[in-house]
């Protein structure tokens, strides 16, 4: 009787084991290696666009004009980068890439964005009553930004018979905060052709 019970259990275990999915393998790669599996916007696109945008904006006449008139490096802040594309794109890593390139260039001064500033202001207010007098950070001593960099990421898609072409367009504006004058406009386009056989989009 026990044999009759054990045999079906063994058979069931073999069937389940045979249906199991293949094991997953993970391979480490260099952090800057280009890996494009889906054809969607990825970290490589973000980094390359940020590098090219910042390289372009820092080579344009507005920088020299400002330094000549004000006798100092301009202070820049990165504002909103809106995703107008057809896919979900978290623009936060792209903004961080832009900020990193600007700061590391050494050609402009840089101030934190609105969310970080709110945290700093809260901390300064707390220090007024909680910290020792000689260590208190002063109120009203922030460095004001001269220019704001903001922009959009958009995309267009064309597809037929297992082929899909995606074009991303990144547009950035640098605006004088006091005068609202646009002093630089940058554009970078990325095009990808994705082929997928035996599948419909």
C-alpha atoms as a PDB file:
ATOM      1  CA  UNK A   1       0.000   0.000   0.000  1.00  0.00           C
ATOM      2  CA  UNK A   2       2.845   2.356   0.876  1.00  0.00           C
ATOM      3  CA  UNK A   3       4.559   1.540  -2.442  1.00  0.00           C
ATOM      4  CA  UNK A   4       1.427   2.607  -4.312  1.00  0.00           C
ATOM      5  CA  UNK A   5       1.551   5.950  -2.497  1.00  0.00           C
ATOM      6  CA  UNK A   6       5.289   6.582  -2.948  1.00  0.00           C
ATOM      7  CA  UNK A   7       5.445   5.824  -6.688  1.00  0.00           C
ATOM      8  CA  UNK A   8       2.975   8.587  -7.720  1.00  0.00           C
ATOM      9  CA  UNK A   9       4.840  11.070  -5.504  1.00  0.00           C
ATOM     10  CA  UNK A  10       8.166  10.238  -7.152  1.00  0.00           C
ATOM     11  CA  UNK A  11       6.578  10.504 -10.575  1.00  0.00           C
ATOM     12  CA  UNK A  12       5.085  13.908  -9.671  1.00  0.00           C
ATOM     13  CA  UNK A  13       8.462  15.160  -8.416  1.00  0.00           C
ATOM     14  CA  UNK A  14      10.122  14.117 -11.691  1.00  0.00           C
ATOM     15  CA  UNK A  15       7.447  15.906 -13.740  1.00  0.00           C
ATOM     16  CA  UNK A  16       7.731  19.089 -11.696  1.00  0.00           C
ATOM     17  CA  UNK A  17      11.517  18.965 -11.912  1.00  0.00           C
ATOM     18  CA  UNK A  18      11.345  18.572 -15.674  1.00  0.00           C
ATOM     19  CA  UNK A  19       9.101  21.629 -15.976  1.00  0.00           C
ATOM     20  CA  UNK A  20      11.348  23.837 -13.885  1.00  0.00           C
ATOM     21  CA  UNK A  21      12.718  26.934 -15.598  1.00  0.00           C
ATOM     22  CA  UNK A  22      16.427  27.081 -16.456  1.00  0.00           C
ATOM     23  CA  UNK A  23      18.687  28.502 -13.781  1.00  0.00           C
ATOM     24  CA  UNK A  24      19.657  32.155 -14.090  1.00  0.00           C
ATOM     25  CA  UNK A  25      23.249  33.208 -14.626  1.00  0.00           C
ATOM     26  CA  UNK A  26      24.695  36.611 -13.780  1.00  0.00           C
ATOM     27  CA  UNK A  27      27.831  37.999 -15.348  1.00  0.00           C
ATOM     28  CA  UNK A  28      29.566  41.085 -13.998  1.00  0.00           C
ATOM     29  CA  UNK A  29      30.537  43.743 -16.531  1.00  0.00           C
ATOM     30  CA  UNK A  30      32.292  47.085 -16.438  1.00  0.00           C
ATOM     31  CA  UNK A  31      30.001  49.850 -15.170  1.00  0.00           C
ATOM     32  CA  UNK A  32      30.562  51.909 -18.336  1.00  0.00           C
ATOM     33  CA  UNK A  33      30.075  49.001 -20.758  1.00  0.00           C
ATOM     34  CA  UNK A  34      27.274  49.590 -23.225  1.00  0.00           C
ATOM     35  CA  UNK A  35      24.485  47.029 -22.799  1.00  0.00           C
ATOM     36  CA  UNK A  36      21.298  47.503 -24.786  1.00  0.00           C
ATOM     37  CA  UNK A  37      18.849  44.632 -24.385  1.00  0.00           C
ATOM     38  CA  UNK A  38      15.424  46.162 -24.990  1.00  0.00           C
ATOM     39  CA  UNK A  39      16.241  49.156 -27.167  1.00  0.00           C
ATOM     40  CA  UNK A  40      14.680  51.487 -24.617  1.00  0.00           C
ATOM     41  CA  UNK A  41      16.339  54.531 -23.060  1.00  0.00           C
ATOM     42  CA  UNK A  42      19.012  53.310 -20.632  1.00  0.00           C
ATOM     43  CA  UNK A  43      21.920  54.393 -18.447  1.00  0.00           C
ATOM     44  CA  UNK A  44      24.326  54.533 -21.396  1.00  0.00           C
ATOM     45  CA  UNK A  45      22.017  56.914 -23.267  1.00  0.00           C
ATOM     46  CA  UNK A  46      21.711  59.079 -20.161  1.00  0.00           C
ATOM     47  CA  UNK A  47      25.461  59.294 -19.600  1.00  0.00           C
ATOM     48  CA  UNK A  48      26.403  59.953 -23.227  1.00  0.00           C
ATOM     49  CA  UNK A  49      23.742  62.628 -23.714  1.00  0.00           C
ATOM     50  CA  UNK A  50      24.725  64.351 -20.467  1.00  0.00           C
ATOM     51  CA  UNK A  51      28.395  64.403 -21.471  1.00  0.00           C
ATOM     52  CA  UNK A  52      27.672  65.817 -24.932  1.00  0.00           C
ATOM     53  CA  UNK A  53      25.155  68.386 -23.667  1.00  0.00           C
ATOM     54  CA  UNK A  54      27.482  69.757 -20.991  1.00  0.00           C
ATOM     55  CA  UNK A  55      30.443  69.760 -23.381  1.00  0.00           C
ATOM     56  CA  UNK A  56      28.386  71.811 -25.849  1.00  0.00           C
ATOM     57  CA  UNK A  57      26.942  74.297 -23.356  1.00  0.00           C
ATOM     58  CA  UNK A  58      30.360  75.054 -21.881  1.00  0.00           C
ATOM     59  CA  UNK A  59      31.847  75.817 -25.324  1.00  0.00           C
ATOM     60  CA  UNK A  60      29.259  78.461 -26.246  1.00  0.00           C
ATOM     61  CA  UNK A  61      29.660  82.297 -26.099  1.00  0.00           C
ATOM     62  CA  UNK A  62      27.360  82.888 -23.095  1.00  0.00           C
ATOM     63  CA  UNK A  63      30.028  81.610 -20.693  1.00  0.00           C
ATOM     64  CA  UNK A  64      32.763  83.961 -21.847  1.00  0.00           C
ATOM     65  CA  UNK A  65      30.370  86.924 -21.942  1.00  0.00           C
ATOM     66  CA  UNK A  66      29.226  86.273 -18.369  1.00  0.00           C
ATOM     67  CA  UNK A  67      32.769  85.862 -17.047  1.00  0.00           C
ATOM     68  CA  UNK A  68      33.844  89.106 -18.754  1.00  0.00           C
ATOM     69  CA  UNK A  69      30.932  91.166 -17.435  1.00  0.00           C
ATOM     70  CA  UNK A  70      30.722  89.696 -13.925  1.00  0.00           C
ATOM     71  CA  UNK A  71      34.385  88.770 -13.385  1.00  0.00           C
ATOM     72  CA  UNK A  72      33.428  85.374 -11.912  1.00  0.00           C
ATOM     73  CA  UNK A  73      32.185  81.956 -12.906  1.00  0.00           C
ATOM     74  CA  UNK A  74      28.394  81.641 -13.328  1.00  0.00           C
ATOM     75  CA  UNK A  75      26.277  79.757 -10.808  1.00  0.00           C
ATOM     76  CA  UNK A  76      24.054  77.114 -12.424  1.00  0.00           C
ATOM     77  CA  UNK A  77      21.136  75.054 -11.193  1.00  0.00           C
ATOM     78  CA  UNK A  78      19.458  72.138 -12.996  1.00  0.00           C
ATOM     79  CA  UNK A  79      15.684  72.431 -13.081  1.00  0.00           C
ATOM     80  CA  UNK A  80      13.050  70.044 -14.396  1.00  0.00           C
ATOM     81  CA  UNK A  81      13.657  67.581 -17.205  1.00  0.00           C
ATOM     82  CA  UNK A  82      10.251  66.384 -18.400  1.00  0.00           C
ATOM     83  CA  UNK A  83       9.669  63.002 -19.973  1.00  0.00           C
ATOM     84  CA  UNK A  84       7.476  63.490 -23.062  1.00  0.00           C
ATOM     85  CA  UNK A  85       8.389  60.140 -24.602  1.00  0.00           C
ATOM     86  CA  UNK A  86       6.107  57.162 -25.158  1.00  0.00           C
ATOM     87  CA  UNK A  87       7.836  55.090 -22.466  1.00  0.00           C
ATOM     88  CA  UNK A  88       8.514  55.425 -18.764  1.00  0.00           C
ATOM     89  CA  UNK A  89      11.817  57.218 -18.244  1.00  0.00           C
ATOM     90  CA  UNK A  90      13.032  58.145 -14.787  1.00  0.00           C
ATOM     91  CA  UNK A  91      14.737  61.473 -15.482  1.00  0.00           C
ATOM     92  CA  UNK A  92      16.442  61.611 -12.069  1.00  0.00           C
ATOM     93  CA  UNK A  93      19.570  59.664 -13.174  1.00  0.00           C
ATOM     94  CA  UNK A  94      19.844  61.913 -16.252  1.00  0.00           C
ATOM     95  CA  UNK A  95      19.654  65.040 -14.082  1.00  0.00           C
ATOM     96  CA  UNK A  96      22.345  63.593 -11.827  1.00  0.00           C
ATOM     97  CA  UNK A  97      24.529  62.872 -14.861  1.00  0.00           C
ATOM     98  CA  UNK A  98      24.129  66.503 -15.972  1.00  0.00           C
ATOM     99  CA  UNK A  99      24.942  67.787 -12.484  1.00  0.00           C
ATOM    100  CA  UNK A 100      28.027  65.594 -12.232  1.00  0.00           C
ATOM    101  CA  UNK A 101      29.381  66.763 -15.594  1.00  0.00           C
ATOM    102  CA  UNK A 102      28.792  70.424 -14.730  1.00  0.00           C
ATOM    103  CA  UNK A 103      30.439  70.200 -11.322  1.00  0.00           C
ATOM    104  CA  UNK A 104      33.405  68.172 -12.530  1.00  0.00           C
ATOM    105  CA  UNK A 105      34.057  70.586 -15.401  1.00  0.00           C
ATOM    106  CA  UNK A 106      35.259  73.211 -12.916  1.00  0.00           C
ATOM    107  CA  UNK A 107      34.009  75.919 -15.282  1.00  0.00           C
ATOM    108  CA  UNK A 108      30.809  76.818 -13.436  1.00  0.00           C
ATOM    109  CA  UNK A 109      29.653  76.923  -9.844  1.00  0.00           C
ATOM    110  CA  UNK A 110      26.702  74.791  -8.944  1.00  0.00           C
ATOM    111  CA  UNK A 111      23.868  74.919  -6.404  1.00  0.00           C
ATOM    112  CA  UNK A 112      21.550  72.146  -5.250  1.00  0.00           C
ATOM    113  CA  UNK A 113      18.051  71.647  -6.622  1.00  0.00           C
ATOM    114  CA  UNK A 114      14.814  72.646  -4.900  1.00  0.00           C
ATOM    115  CA  UNK A 115      14.260  69.415  -2.938  1.00  0.00           C
ATOM    116  CA  UNK A 116      17.736  69.438  -1.430  1.00  0.00           C
ATOM    117  CA  UNK A 117      17.486  73.169  -0.662  1.00  0.00           C
ATOM    118  CA  UNK A 118      14.270  72.581   1.289  1.00  0.00           C
ATOM    119  CA  UNK A 119      16.062  69.974   3.415  1.00  0.00           C
ATOM    120  CA  UNK A 120      18.971  72.362   3.995  1.00  0.00           C
ATOM    121  CA  UNK A 121      16.628  75.176   4.989  1.00  0.00           C
ATOM    122  CA  UNK A 122      14.874  72.913   7.455  1.00  0.00           C
ATOM    123  CA  UNK A 123      18.224  71.927   8.944  1.00  0.00           C
ATOM    124  CA  UNK A 124      19.311  75.588   9.238  1.00  0.00           C
ATOM    125  CA  UNK A 125      16.066  76.495  10.988  1.00  0.00           C
ATOM    126  CA  UNK A 126      16.550  73.618  13.416  1.00  0.00           C
ATOM    127  CA  UNK A 127      20.101  74.787  14.147  1.00  0.00           C
ATOM    128  CA  UNK A 128      18.874  78.219  15.234  1.00  0.00           C
ATOM    129  CA  UNK A 129      17.509  76.725  18.436  1.00  0.00           C
ATOM    130  CA  UNK A 130      19.274  73.383  18.776  1.00  0.00           C
ATOM    131  CA  UNK A 131      22.933  73.954  17.843  1.00  0.00           C
ATOM    132  CA  UNK A 132      25.734  75.754  19.696  1.00  0.00           C
ATOM    133  CA  UNK A 133      25.942  79.401  18.682  1.00  0.00           C
ATOM    134  CA  UNK A 134      29.424  79.133  17.189  1.00  0.00           C
ATOM    135  CA  UNK A 135      28.321  76.287  14.899  1.00  0.00           C
ATOM    136  CA  UNK A 136      24.979  77.682  13.682  1.00  0.00           C
ATOM    137  CA  UNK A 137      24.651  78.111   9.899  1.00  0.00           C
ATOM    138  CA  UNK A 138      23.385  81.578   9.033  1.00  0.00           C
ATOM    139  CA  UNK A 139      19.974  82.165   7.497  1.00  0.00           C
ATOM    140  CA  UNK A 140      19.754  84.031   4.198  1.00  0.00           C
ATOM    141  CA  UNK A 141      23.298  83.107   3.164  1.00  0.00           C
ATOM    142  CA  UNK A 142      22.539  80.812   0.216  1.00  0.00           C
ATOM    143  CA  UNK A 143      24.295  81.324  -3.107  1.00  0.00           C
ATOM    144  CA  UNK A 144      21.783  82.374  -5.744  1.00  0.00           C
ATOM    145  CA  UNK A 145      21.884  80.776  -9.181  1.00  0.00           C
ATOM    146  CA  UNK A 146      22.455  82.890 -12.300  1.00  0.00           C
ATOM    147  CA  UNK A 147      21.225  80.296 -14.803  1.00  0.00           C
ATOM    148  CA  UNK A 148      18.815  77.357 -14.865  1.00  0.00           C
ATOM    149  CA  UNK A 149      19.238  74.367 -17.165  1.00  0.00           C
ATOM    150  CA  UNK A 150      16.043  72.478 -17.993  1.00  0.00           C
ATOM    151  CA  UNK A 151      14.620  70.421 -20.829  1.00  0.00           C
ATOM    152  CA  UNK A 152      12.611  67.526 -22.212  1.00  0.00           C
ATOM    153  CA  UNK A 153      13.078  63.970 -23.474  1.00  0.00           C
ATOM    154  CA  UNK A 154      10.740  62.946 -26.295  1.00  0.00           C
ATOM    155  CA  UNK A 155      10.576  59.990 -28.659  1.00  0.00           C
ATOM    156  CA  UNK A 156       9.007  58.776 -31.888  1.00  0.00           C
ATOM    157  CA  UNK A 157       8.526  55.141 -32.892  1.00  0.00           C
ATOM    158  CA  UNK A 158       8.055  53.515 -36.281  1.00  0.00           C
ATOM    159  CA  UNK A 159       7.513  49.751 -36.652  1.00  0.00           C
ATOM    160  CA  UNK A 160       6.809  47.171 -39.350  1.00  0.00           C
ATOM    161  CA  UNK A 161       7.312  43.394 -39.751  1.00  0.00           C
ATOM    162  CA  UNK A 162       9.448  42.791 -36.669  1.00  0.00           C
ATOM    163  CA  UNK A 163      11.499  45.959 -37.080  1.00  0.00           C
ATOM    164  CA  UNK A 164      11.132  48.923 -34.775  1.00  0.00           C
ATOM    165  CA  UNK A 165      12.923  52.255 -35.071  1.00  0.00           C
ATOM    166  CA  UNK A 166      12.981  54.515 -32.028  1.00  0.00           C
ATOM    167  CA  UNK A 167      14.297  58.071 -32.111  1.00  0.00           C
ATOM    168  CA  UNK A 168      14.906  59.933 -28.850  1.00  0.00           C
ATOM    169  CA  UNK A 169      15.277  63.699 -28.867  1.00  0.00           C
ATOM    170  CA  UNK A 170      16.696  65.523 -25.855  1.00  0.00           C
ATOM    171  CA  UNK A 171      16.262  69.297 -25.839  1.00  0.00           C
ATOM    172  CA  UNK A 172      17.810  71.529 -23.183  1.00  0.00           C
ATOM    173  CA  UNK A 173      17.618  75.277 -22.537  1.00  0.00           C
ATOM    174  CA  UNK A 174      19.907  77.430 -20.394  1.00  0.00           C
ATOM    175  CA  UNK A 175      18.007  80.447 -19.101  1.00  0.00           C
ATOM    176  CA  UNK A 176      19.195  83.569 -17.287  1.00  0.00           C
ATOM    177  CA  UNK A 177      17.100  83.500 -14.103  1.00  0.00           C
ATOM    178  CA  UNK A 178      17.026  87.265 -13.627  1.00  0.00           C
ATOM    179  CA  UNK A 179      16.221  88.302 -17.194  1.00  0.00           C
ATOM    180  CA  UNK A 180      14.524  85.087 -18.451  1.00  0.00           C
ATOM    181  CA  UNK A 181      16.818  85.283 -21.499  1.00  0.00           C
ATOM    182  CA  UNK A 182      17.566  81.962 -23.179  1.00  0.00           C
ATOM    183  CA  UNK A 183      21.335  81.964 -23.690  1.00  0.00           C
ATOM    184  CA  UNK A 184      21.785  78.432 -25.057  1.00  0.00           C
ATOM    185  CA  UNK A 185      19.669  75.711 -26.678  1.00  0.00           C
ATOM    186  CA  UNK A 186      21.009  72.187 -27.044  1.00  0.00           C
ATOM    187  CA  UNK A 187      19.682  69.153 -28.872  1.00  0.00           C
ATOM    188  CA  UNK A 188      20.871  65.573 -28.983  1.00  0.00           C
ATOM    189  CA  UNK A 189      19.204  62.740 -30.889  1.00  0.00           C
ATOM    190  CA  UNK A 190      19.633  58.994 -30.445  1.00  0.00           C
ATOM    191  CA  UNK A 191      18.246  56.525 -32.987  1.00  0.00           C
ATOM    192  CA  UNK A 192      17.913  52.794 -32.427  1.00  0.00           C
ATOM    193  CA  UNK A 193      16.830  50.009 -34.778  1.00  0.00           C
ATOM    194  CA  UNK A 194      15.481  46.942 -33.003  1.00  0.00           C
ATOM    195  CA  UNK A 195      14.844  43.692 -34.843  1.00  0.00           C
ATOM    196  CA  UNK A 196      12.754  40.942 -33.321  1.00  0.00           C
ATOM    197  CA  UNK A 197      11.993  37.880 -35.446  1.00  0.00           C
ATOM    198  CA  UNK A 198       8.934  35.655 -35.000  1.00  0.00           C
ATOM    199  CA  UNK A 199       7.261  38.201 -32.815  1.00  0.00           C
ATOM    200  CA  UNK A 200       4.714  40.936 -33.241  1.00  0.00           C
ATOM    201  CA  UNK A 201       5.105  44.305 -31.621  1.00  0.00           C
END
